[in-house]
């Protein structure tokens, strides 16, 4: 199973039945699969930000009753 894992896993670093190297966060240039270099590192303060896509979600809490535009659109579709 170890040989199969070694051949099929696509990872920057993989440890099979042994301890990790003891790399220190923000000291060694390894940030993950195909992310080596001097950018964001695992565990660093900005590490997760590189994977996020900002999205704004709003909700109109002031509207009361029916939305006339939505009702008229539904009636037009039935005709």
N, C-alpha and C. Protein backbone atom coordinates (compact mmCIF):
# COMPACT_ATOMS: atom_id res chain seq x y z
N UNK A 1 0.81 -1.19 0.00
CA UNK A 1 0.00 0.00 0.00
C UNK A 1 0.86 1.26 0.00
N UNK A 2 2.03 1.19 0.62
CA UNK A 2 2.89 2.37 0.67
C UNK A 2 3.37 2.76 -0.72
N UNK A 3 3.75 1.79 -1.53
CA UNK A 3 4.21 2.09 -2.88
C UNK A 3 3.08 2.71 -3.71
N UNK A 4 1.87 2.18 -3.58
CA UNK A 4 0.73 2.73 -4.32
C UNK A 4 0.47 4.17 -3.88
N UNK A 5 0.50 4.43 -2.58
CA UNK A 5 0.29 5.78 -2.07
C UNK A 5 1.38 6.71 -2.60
N UNK A 6 2.61 6.27 -2.59
CA UNK A 6 3.73 7.08 -3.06
C UNK A 6 3.56 7.46 -4.52
N UNK A 7 3.05 6.55 -5.33
CA UNK A 7 2.90 6.80 -6.77
C UNK A 7 1.65 7.62 -7.09
N UNK A 8 0.56 7.45 -6.33
CA UNK A 8 -0.71 8.06 -6.70
C UNK A 8 -1.02 9.38 -5.99
N UNK A 9 -0.46 9.60 -4.81
CA UNK A 9 -0.75 10.85 -4.10
C UNK A 9 0.02 12.00 -4.74
N UNK A 10 -0.68 13.10 -4.96
CA UNK A 10 -0.04 14.29 -5.49
C UNK A 10 0.07 15.29 -4.35
N UNK A 11 1.23 15.33 -3.73
CA UNK A 11 1.42 16.22 -2.58
C UNK A 11 2.83 16.76 -2.60
N UNK A 12 2.99 17.93 -2.01
CA UNK A 12 4.31 18.53 -1.92
C UNK A 12 5.22 17.72 -1.01
N UNK A 13 4.72 17.36 0.15
CA UNK A 13 5.44 16.52 1.12
C UNK A 13 4.51 15.42 1.57
N UNK A 14 5.06 14.22 1.72
CA UNK A 14 4.26 13.10 2.24
C UNK A 14 5.17 12.27 3.13
N UNK A 15 4.65 11.88 4.28
CA UNK A 15 5.41 11.07 5.22
C UNK A 15 4.65 9.78 5.45
N UNK A 16 5.27 8.66 5.14
CA UNK A 16 4.65 7.35 5.30
C UNK A 16 5.39 6.58 6.38
N UNK A 17 4.70 6.32 7.48
CA UNK A 17 5.27 5.55 8.59
C UNK A 17 6.57 6.13 9.13
N UNK A 18 6.61 7.46 9.25
CA UNK A 18 7.77 8.10 9.87
C UNK A 18 7.36 9.48 10.38
N UNK A 19 8.21 10.05 11.22
CA UNK A 19 7.94 11.38 11.77
C UNK A 19 8.07 12.45 10.69
N UNK A 20 7.45 13.59 10.94
CA UNK A 20 7.62 14.71 10.02
C UNK A 20 9.01 15.30 10.20
N UNK A 21 9.38 16.24 9.36
CA UNK A 21 10.74 16.76 9.39
C UNK A 21 11.00 17.72 10.52
N UNK A 22 9.95 18.27 11.11
CA UNK A 22 10.15 19.26 12.16
C UNK A 22 10.28 20.67 11.59
N UNK A 23 9.78 20.89 10.38
CA UNK A 23 9.84 22.22 9.78
C UNK A 23 9.09 23.22 10.66
N UNK A 24 9.63 24.43 10.74
CA UNK A 24 9.03 25.45 11.58
C UNK A 24 8.19 26.41 10.74
N UNK A 25 6.99 26.71 11.21
CA UNK A 25 6.10 27.64 10.52
C UNK A 25 6.75 29.01 10.42
N UNK A 26 6.62 29.63 9.26
CA UNK A 26 7.17 30.95 8.93
C UNK A 26 8.70 30.96 8.89
N UNK A 27 9.33 29.79 8.89
CA UNK A 27 10.79 29.73 8.81
C UNK A 27 11.26 28.99 7.56
N UNK A 28 10.53 27.96 7.15
CA UNK A 28 10.94 27.15 6.00
C UNK A 28 10.06 27.46 4.81
N UNK A 29 10.63 27.46 3.59
CA UNK A 29 9.88 27.87 2.39
C UNK A 29 8.98 26.78 1.82
N UNK A 30 8.05 26.27 2.63
CA UNK A 30 7.10 25.31 2.08
C UNK A 30 5.70 25.72 2.48
N UNK A 31 4.83 25.93 1.48
CA UNK A 31 3.48 26.39 1.76
C UNK A 31 2.42 25.40 1.38
N UNK A 32 2.77 24.23 0.85
CA UNK A 32 1.77 23.26 0.43
C UNK A 32 2.07 22.76 -0.96
N UNK A 33 1.17 21.96 -1.52
CA UNK A 33 1.36 21.35 -2.83
C UNK A 33 1.54 22.42 -3.91
N UNK A 34 2.65 22.38 -4.60
CA UNK A 34 3.02 23.34 -5.65
C UNK A 34 2.99 24.78 -5.15
N UNK A 35 3.28 24.98 -3.87
CA UNK A 35 3.26 26.32 -3.30
C UNK A 35 4.56 26.63 -2.57
N UNK A 36 5.64 26.00 -2.96
CA UNK A 36 6.92 26.28 -2.32
C UNK A 36 7.37 27.68 -2.70
N UNK A 37 8.18 28.26 -1.89
CA UNK A 37 8.69 29.60 -2.18
C UNK A 37 8.57 30.48 -0.95
N UNK A 38 8.60 31.77 -1.17
CA UNK A 38 8.63 32.70 -0.05
C UNK A 38 7.29 33.39 0.20
N UNK A 39 6.19 32.89 -0.36
CA UNK A 39 4.87 33.50 -0.15
C UNK A 39 4.25 33.06 1.17
N UNK A 40 2.93 32.96 1.19
CA UNK A 40 2.22 32.56 2.42
C UNK A 40 2.62 31.14 2.82
N UNK A 41 2.82 30.94 4.08
CA UNK A 41 3.22 29.63 4.59
C UNK A 41 2.11 29.02 5.44
N UNK A 42 2.14 27.72 5.55
CA UNK A 42 1.18 27.02 6.39
C UNK A 42 1.23 27.56 7.80
N UNK A 43 0.08 27.92 8.32
CA UNK A 43 0.01 28.43 9.69
C UNK A 43 0.29 29.90 9.82
N UNK A 44 0.74 30.55 8.76
CA UNK A 44 1.00 31.98 8.82
C UNK A 44 -0.30 32.77 8.94
N UNK A 45 -0.21 34.04 9.29
CA UNK A 45 -1.41 34.84 9.53
C UNK A 45 -2.27 35.04 8.28
N UNK A 46 -1.70 34.99 7.10
CA UNK A 46 -2.47 35.21 5.87
C UNK A 46 -2.65 33.95 5.04
N UNK A 47 -2.36 32.78 5.59
CA UNK A 47 -2.37 31.55 4.80
C UNK A 47 -3.73 31.24 4.20
N UNK A 48 -4.80 31.29 4.99
CA UNK A 48 -6.13 30.92 4.49
C UNK A 48 -6.69 31.96 3.52
N UNK A 49 -6.27 33.21 3.63
CA UNK A 49 -6.81 34.26 2.76
C UNK A 49 -6.59 33.96 1.29
N UNK A 50 -5.52 33.27 0.93
CA UNK A 50 -5.25 32.99 -0.48
C UNK A 50 -6.26 32.01 -1.09
N UNK A 51 -7.02 31.31 -0.26
CA UNK A 51 -8.00 30.35 -0.77
C UNK A 51 -9.43 30.89 -0.75
N UNK A 52 -9.63 32.09 -0.25
CA UNK A 52 -10.98 32.63 -0.09
C UNK A 52 -11.41 33.44 -1.31
N UNK A 53 -12.71 33.44 -1.57
CA UNK A 53 -13.31 34.28 -2.59
C UNK A 53 -14.33 35.16 -1.87
N UNK A 54 -14.07 36.47 -1.80
CA UNK A 54 -14.99 37.35 -1.07
C UNK A 54 -16.37 37.38 -1.72
N UNK A 55 -17.41 37.33 -0.90
CA UNK A 55 -18.80 37.38 -1.37
C UNK A 55 -19.58 38.26 -0.39
N UNK A 56 -20.39 39.17 -0.94
CA UNK A 56 -21.28 39.98 -0.10
C UNK A 56 -22.67 39.38 -0.15
N UNK A 57 -23.27 39.19 1.00
CA UNK A 57 -24.64 38.67 1.09
C UNK A 57 -25.45 39.70 1.86
N UNK A 58 -26.56 40.15 1.25
CA UNK A 58 -27.41 41.13 1.92
C UNK A 58 -28.83 40.60 2.01
N UNK A 59 -29.57 41.14 2.96
CA UNK A 59 -30.97 40.76 3.12
C UNK A 59 -31.76 42.02 3.42
N UNK A 60 -32.84 42.23 2.67
CA UNK A 60 -33.69 43.38 2.90
C UNK A 60 -34.63 43.06 4.05
N UNK A 61 -34.34 43.60 5.22
CA UNK A 61 -35.15 43.33 6.40
C UNK A 61 -36.27 44.35 6.58
N UNK A 62 -36.33 45.36 5.72
CA UNK A 62 -37.34 46.41 5.85
C UNK A 62 -38.60 46.12 5.04
N UNK A 63 -38.52 45.24 4.03
CA UNK A 63 -39.68 44.99 3.17
C UNK A 63 -40.77 44.29 3.96
N UNK A 64 -42.01 44.72 3.76
CA UNK A 64 -43.15 44.11 4.42
C UNK A 64 -44.17 43.74 3.36
N UNK A 65 -44.88 42.63 3.53
CA UNK A 65 -45.94 42.26 2.61
C UNK A 65 -45.43 41.61 1.34
N UNK A 66 -46.26 41.65 0.28
CA UNK A 66 -45.93 41.01 -0.99
C UNK A 66 -45.04 41.90 -1.83
N UNK A 67 -44.32 41.29 -2.75
CA UNK A 67 -43.52 42.03 -3.72
C UNK A 67 -44.32 42.07 -5.01
N UNK A 68 -44.96 43.20 -5.35
CA UNK A 68 -45.82 43.27 -6.54
C UNK A 68 -45.12 42.83 -7.82
N UNK A 69 -43.85 43.15 -7.99
CA UNK A 69 -43.13 42.77 -9.20
C UNK A 69 -43.07 41.25 -9.33
N UNK A 70 -42.84 40.55 -8.25
CA UNK A 70 -42.75 39.09 -8.30
C UNK A 70 -44.11 38.48 -8.61
N UNK A 71 -45.19 39.04 -8.08
CA UNK A 71 -46.53 38.51 -8.34
C UNK A 71 -46.91 38.70 -9.80
N UNK A 72 -46.64 39.88 -10.36
CA UNK A 72 -47.01 40.13 -11.76
C UNK A 72 -46.20 39.25 -12.71
N UNK A 73 -44.96 38.96 -12.39
CA UNK A 73 -44.15 38.08 -13.25
C UNK A 73 -44.71 36.66 -13.25
N UNK A 74 -45.16 36.17 -12.09
CA UNK A 74 -45.73 34.83 -12.00
C UNK A 74 -47.02 34.74 -12.81
N UNK A 75 -47.85 35.77 -12.77
CA UNK A 75 -49.11 35.77 -13.51
C UNK A 75 -48.85 35.77 -15.02
N UNK A 76 -47.82 36.49 -15.47
CA UNK A 76 -47.50 36.55 -16.90
C UNK A 76 -47.04 35.19 -17.41
N UNK A 77 -46.30 34.44 -16.58
CA UNK A 77 -45.81 33.13 -16.99
C UNK A 77 -46.95 32.13 -17.17
N UNK A 78 -48.02 32.26 -16.37
CA UNK A 78 -49.15 31.34 -16.46
C UNK A 78 -49.97 31.58 -17.72
N UNK A 79 -50.00 32.83 -18.25
CA UNK A 79 -50.80 33.17 -19.44
C UNK A 79 -50.21 32.64 -20.68
